[in-house]
């Protein structure tokens, strides 16, 4: 499966570490940065700037089925992730009857502000869309064409409202989207999600899993220097 990672020009360092963590586990995994600027240049992304879109990734994630030619399976994750296992382990959850598979969090954020000072919005299915395994060939995902993605609201897209039947949403174990700072520290998680703020921000240098992120950062820096 290809792994599409959300990209924000303000957080390139977080993207580089996320990409490295994926390839460190399996160097053959194809990692694709979802860059809003490139999607605009290709004519896919036509939205006007949205004041409610907290990052450049807010809407780009739902282009994945289209970019994957509505074929096979593909993964989306936000850039503030560190992967601790190979993406291949997700294959066991690829149920052809499901349109998407994700961790179905049930929580309310403890912080009122995001890492960059933006308001922390609370809404149903919060953080479900931060890590999605898309069944791109599922008939229900054919609805995610360019026109719909560019006109629908954030709540419609982030809450998977194009799927009329909630049974089309498969469930991943919580360890695949472990929210650092929201959930108690646990060593044997699959992925760490720095949703409250990561160590690339000064205020989060001592946050949960900061040492792990720093390790991947050091490795990614060395890798880039040796290219």
Protein backbone atom coordinates (compact mmCIF):
# COMPACT_ATOMS: atom_id res chain seq x y z
CA UNK A 1 0.00 0.00 0.00
CA UNK A 2 1.10 3.53 -0.73
CA UNK A 3 1.23 5.84 2.27
CA UNK A 4 0.05 9.41 1.68
CA UNK A 5 1.25 11.83 4.33
CA UNK A 6 -0.33 15.22 4.88
CA UNK A 7 2.09 18.08 4.27
CA UNK A 8 2.16 21.59 5.69
CA UNK A 9 4.86 24.07 4.66
CA UNK A 10 5.06 25.28 8.27
CA UNK A 11 5.98 21.82 9.54
CA UNK A 12 8.37 20.35 6.98
CA UNK A 13 10.53 18.99 9.81
CA UNK A 14 7.62 16.92 11.15
CA UNK A 15 6.95 15.53 7.67
CA UNK A 16 10.60 14.53 7.19
CA UNK A 17 10.60 12.61 10.47
CA UNK A 18 7.28 10.90 9.72
CA UNK A 19 8.49 9.85 6.26
CA UNK A 20 11.74 8.52 7.72
CA UNK A 21 9.91 6.49 10.35
CA UNK A 22 7.83 4.80 7.64
CA UNK A 23 10.78 4.00 5.39
CA UNK A 24 12.93 2.92 8.32
CA UNK A 25 10.54 0.02 8.86
CA UNK A 26 10.24 -0.82 5.16
CA UNK A 27 12.41 1.02 2.66
CA UNK A 28 10.25 -0.14 -0.26
CA UNK A 29 7.13 1.65 0.99
CA UNK A 30 6.12 4.44 -1.37
CA UNK A 31 5.51 7.59 0.66
CA UNK A 32 3.73 10.47 -1.06
CA UNK A 33 3.52 13.99 0.38
CA UNK A 34 0.08 15.53 -0.08
CA UNK A 35 1.09 19.08 -0.91
CA UNK A 36 -1.78 21.51 -1.36
CA UNK A 37 0.27 23.72 -3.69
CA UNK A 38 0.95 20.81 -6.06
CA UNK A 39 -2.70 19.70 -5.96
CA UNK A 40 -3.70 23.24 -6.93
CA UNK A 41 -1.22 23.29 -9.80
CA UNK A 42 -2.63 19.97 -11.03
CA UNK A 43 -6.16 21.40 -10.98
CA UNK A 44 -7.42 19.07 -8.25
CA UNK A 45 -7.61 21.51 -5.34
CA UNK A 46 -9.72 24.54 -6.16
CA UNK A 47 -11.00 25.67 -2.76
CA UNK A 48 -10.70 29.27 -1.68
CA UNK A 49 -8.57 29.74 1.44
CA UNK A 50 -10.60 28.58 4.43
CA UNK A 51 -10.18 30.36 7.78
CA UNK A 52 -11.48 27.26 9.58
CA UNK A 53 -8.87 25.01 7.98
CA UNK A 54 -6.22 24.85 10.71
CA UNK A 55 -3.57 23.30 8.43
CA UNK A 56 -2.86 22.80 4.72
CA UNK A 57 -3.81 19.15 5.25
CA UNK A 58 -7.40 19.77 6.35
CA UNK A 59 -8.95 18.82 3.00
CA UNK A 60 -6.13 17.18 1.04
CA UNK A 61 -6.49 13.82 2.82
CA UNK A 62 -9.73 12.93 1.07
CA UNK A 63 -8.10 13.14 -2.37
CA UNK A 64 -6.40 9.81 -1.64
CA UNK A 65 -8.91 7.52 -3.44
CA UNK A 66 -8.82 9.80 -6.50
CA UNK A 67 -5.01 9.99 -6.50
CA UNK A 68 -4.89 6.20 -6.17
CA UNK A 69 -7.14 5.88 -9.27
CA UNK A 70 -9.91 4.37 -7.12
CA UNK A 71 -7.95 1.11 -7.01
CA UNK A 72 -6.60 -1.00 -4.19
CA UNK A 73 -5.82 0.11 -0.66
CA UNK A 74 -3.89 3.17 0.48
CA UNK A 75 -3.08 4.80 3.79
CA UNK A 76 -3.33 8.42 4.86
CA UNK A 77 -1.73 9.83 7.99
CA UNK A 78 -1.10 13.29 9.35
CA UNK A 79 2.50 14.49 9.40
CA UNK A 80 2.72 14.54 13.20
CA UNK A 81 3.09 10.75 13.39
CA UNK A 82 6.00 8.45 14.11
CA UNK A 83 5.56 4.90 12.83
CA UNK A 84 6.97 2.12 14.99
CA UNK A 85 5.94 -0.83 12.78
CA UNK A 86 5.93 -1.58 9.02
CA UNK A 87 2.85 -0.47 7.08
CA UNK A 88 2.51 -4.07 5.90
CA UNK A 89 1.00 -4.93 9.28
CA UNK A 90 -2.13 -3.03 8.22
CA UNK A 91 -2.98 -5.63 5.59
CA UNK A 92 -4.73 -7.80 8.17
CA UNK A 93 -7.36 -5.07 8.59
CA UNK A 94 -8.14 -4.68 4.89
CA UNK A 95 -11.73 -5.89 4.93
CA UNK A 96 -13.18 -5.53 1.43
CA UNK A 97 -16.64 -4.84 2.90
CA UNK A 98 -15.34 -1.61 4.50
CA UNK A 99 -14.80 1.69 2.68
CA UNK A 100 -12.40 3.05 5.30
CA UNK A 101 -10.71 1.65 8.38
CA UNK A 102 -9.55 3.88 11.24
CA UNK A 103 -9.13 4.16 14.99
CA UNK A 104 -12.52 5.17 16.34
CA UNK A 105 -11.43 7.47 19.17
CA UNK A 106 -13.89 8.40 21.89
CA UNK A 107 -12.42 11.34 23.75
CA UNK A 108 -12.45 15.12 24.17
CA UNK A 109 -9.16 17.04 23.92
CA UNK A 110 -7.72 18.17 27.24
CA UNK A 111 -6.13 21.26 25.67
CA UNK A 112 -8.10 24.24 24.36
CA UNK A 113 -5.34 25.26 21.94
CA UNK A 114 -3.33 23.37 19.35
CA UNK A 115 0.47 23.29 19.27
CA UNK A 116 0.66 26.37 17.05
CA UNK A 117 -1.82 28.38 19.12
CA UNK A 118 -4.90 27.65 17.03
CA UNK A 119 -8.21 26.84 18.73
CA UNK A 120 -8.70 23.13 19.41
CA UNK A 121 -12.05 22.32 17.80
CA UNK A 122 -14.19 19.62 19.37
CA UNK A 123 -16.46 17.66 17.02
CA UNK A 124 -17.88 14.12 16.63
CA UNK A 125 -15.38 11.50 15.48
CA UNK A 126 -12.49 13.73 16.52
CA UNK A 127 -9.16 12.45 15.12
CA UNK A 128 -10.72 9.55 13.22
CA UNK A 129 -9.52 11.11 9.96
CA UNK A 130 -5.93 11.63 11.13
CA UNK A 131 -5.08 8.04 10.14
CA UNK A 132 -7.20 6.36 7.47
CA UNK A 133 -6.80 3.10 5.59
CA UNK A 134 -8.78 3.72 2.39
CA UNK A 135 -10.36 0.94 0.35
CA UNK A 136 -9.99 3.07 -2.77
CA UNK A 137 -11.90 0.63 -4.98
CA UNK A 138 -14.96 0.52 -2.70
CA UNK A 139 -18.04 1.84 -4.57
CA UNK A 140 -18.85 4.31 -1.78
CA UNK A 141 -15.47 6.01 -2.19
CA UNK A 142 -16.23 6.75 -5.84
CA UNK A 143 -18.30 9.61 -4.38
CA UNK A 144 -15.05 11.28 -3.35
CA UNK A 145 -14.54 12.90 -6.72
CA UNK A 146 -12.79 16.22 -7.18
CA UNK A 147 -16.02 18.22 -7.29
CA UNK A 148 -17.37 16.82 -4.01
CA UNK A 149 -14.07 17.16 -2.16
CA UNK A 150 -13.80 20.81 -3.20
CA UNK A 151 -17.32 21.82 -2.19
CA UNK A 152 -18.13 19.85 0.97
CA UNK A 153 -17.51 21.08 4.50
CA UNK A 154 -14.76 19.95 6.78
CA UNK A 155 -17.24 18.29 9.13
CA UNK A 156 -18.74 16.31 6.22
CA UNK A 157 -15.35 15.02 5.12
CA UNK A 158 -13.66 14.48 8.49
CA UNK A 159 -16.66 12.61 9.86
CA UNK A 160 -16.94 10.35 6.78
CA UNK A 161 -20.45 11.57 6.02
CA UNK A 162 -20.18 10.45 2.40
CA UNK A 163 -20.61 6.97 3.90
CA UNK A 164 -24.33 6.75 4.62
CA UNK A 165 -23.88 3.45 6.45
CA UNK A 166 -21.59 3.58 9.50
CA UNK A 167 -21.02 -0.15 9.06
CA UNK A 168 -18.75 0.80 6.16
CA UNK A 169 -16.23 2.18 8.68
CA UNK A 170 -13.89 -0.52 9.96
CA UNK A 171 -12.19 -0.29 13.32
CA UNK A 172 -8.43 -0.29 13.93
CA UNK A 173 -6.95 -1.01 17.37
CA UNK A 174 -6.16 2.12 19.36
CA UNK A 175 -2.41 1.41 19.13
CA UNK A 176 -2.42 2.50 15.49
CA UNK A 177 -3.20 6.12 16.40
CA UNK A 178 -1.92 6.56 19.93
CA UNK A 179 -2.50 10.16 20.98
CA UNK A 180 0.56 11.35 22.88
CA UNK A 181 -0.48 13.41 25.88
CA UNK A 182 -4.11 12.32 25.62
CA UNK A 183 -3.54 8.63 26.32
CA UNK A 184 -1.18 7.34 29.04
CA UNK A 185 2.27 6.37 27.86
CA UNK A 186 2.47 2.82 26.53
CA UNK A 187 5.56 1.29 24.96
CA UNK A 188 4.10 -1.27 22.56
CA UNK A 189 2.07 1.07 20.35
CA UNK A 190 2.11 0.88 16.55
CA UNK A 191 2.18 4.63 15.84
CA UNK A 192 2.59 7.70 18.01
CA UNK A 193 0.46 10.71 17.08
CA UNK A 194 1.69 14.02 18.53
CA UNK A 195 -1.73 15.60 18.22
CA UNK A 196 -1.29 18.08 21.08
CA UNK A 197 2.15 19.18 19.92
CA UNK A 198 5.43 17.59 18.98
CA UNK A 199 9.07 18.12 20.03
CA UNK A 200 9.63 20.32 16.97
CA UNK A 201 7.94 23.00 19.10
CA UNK A 202 9.92 24.38 22.04
CA UNK A 203 6.98 24.02 24.42
CA UNK A 204 6.82 20.27 23.75
CA UNK A 205 10.46 19.28 24.09
CA UNK A 206 9.62 17.27 27.21
CA UNK A 207 6.32 15.84 25.98
CA UNK A 208 5.44 12.13 25.93
CA UNK A 209 7.48 10.20 23.35
CA UNK A 210 9.76 13.22 22.75
CA UNK A 211 12.87 11.01 22.95
CA UNK A 212 11.53 8.67 20.28
CA UNK A 213 10.81 11.59 17.96
CA UNK A 214 14.29 13.03 18.58
CA UNK A 215 15.85 9.67 17.67
CA UNK A 216 14.03 9.61 14.33
CA UNK A 217 14.90 13.26 13.75
CA UNK A 218 18.61 12.55 14.25
CA UNK A 219 18.43 9.59 11.87
CA UNK A 220 16.48 11.56 9.24
CA UNK A 221 18.98 14.44 9.47
CA UNK A 222 21.91 12.06 8.97
CA UNK A 223 20.10 10.36 6.07
CA UNK A 224 19.47 13.67 4.31
CA UNK A 225 23.09 14.76 4.78
CA UNK A 226 24.29 11.54 3.14
CA UNK A 227 22.06 11.84 0.07
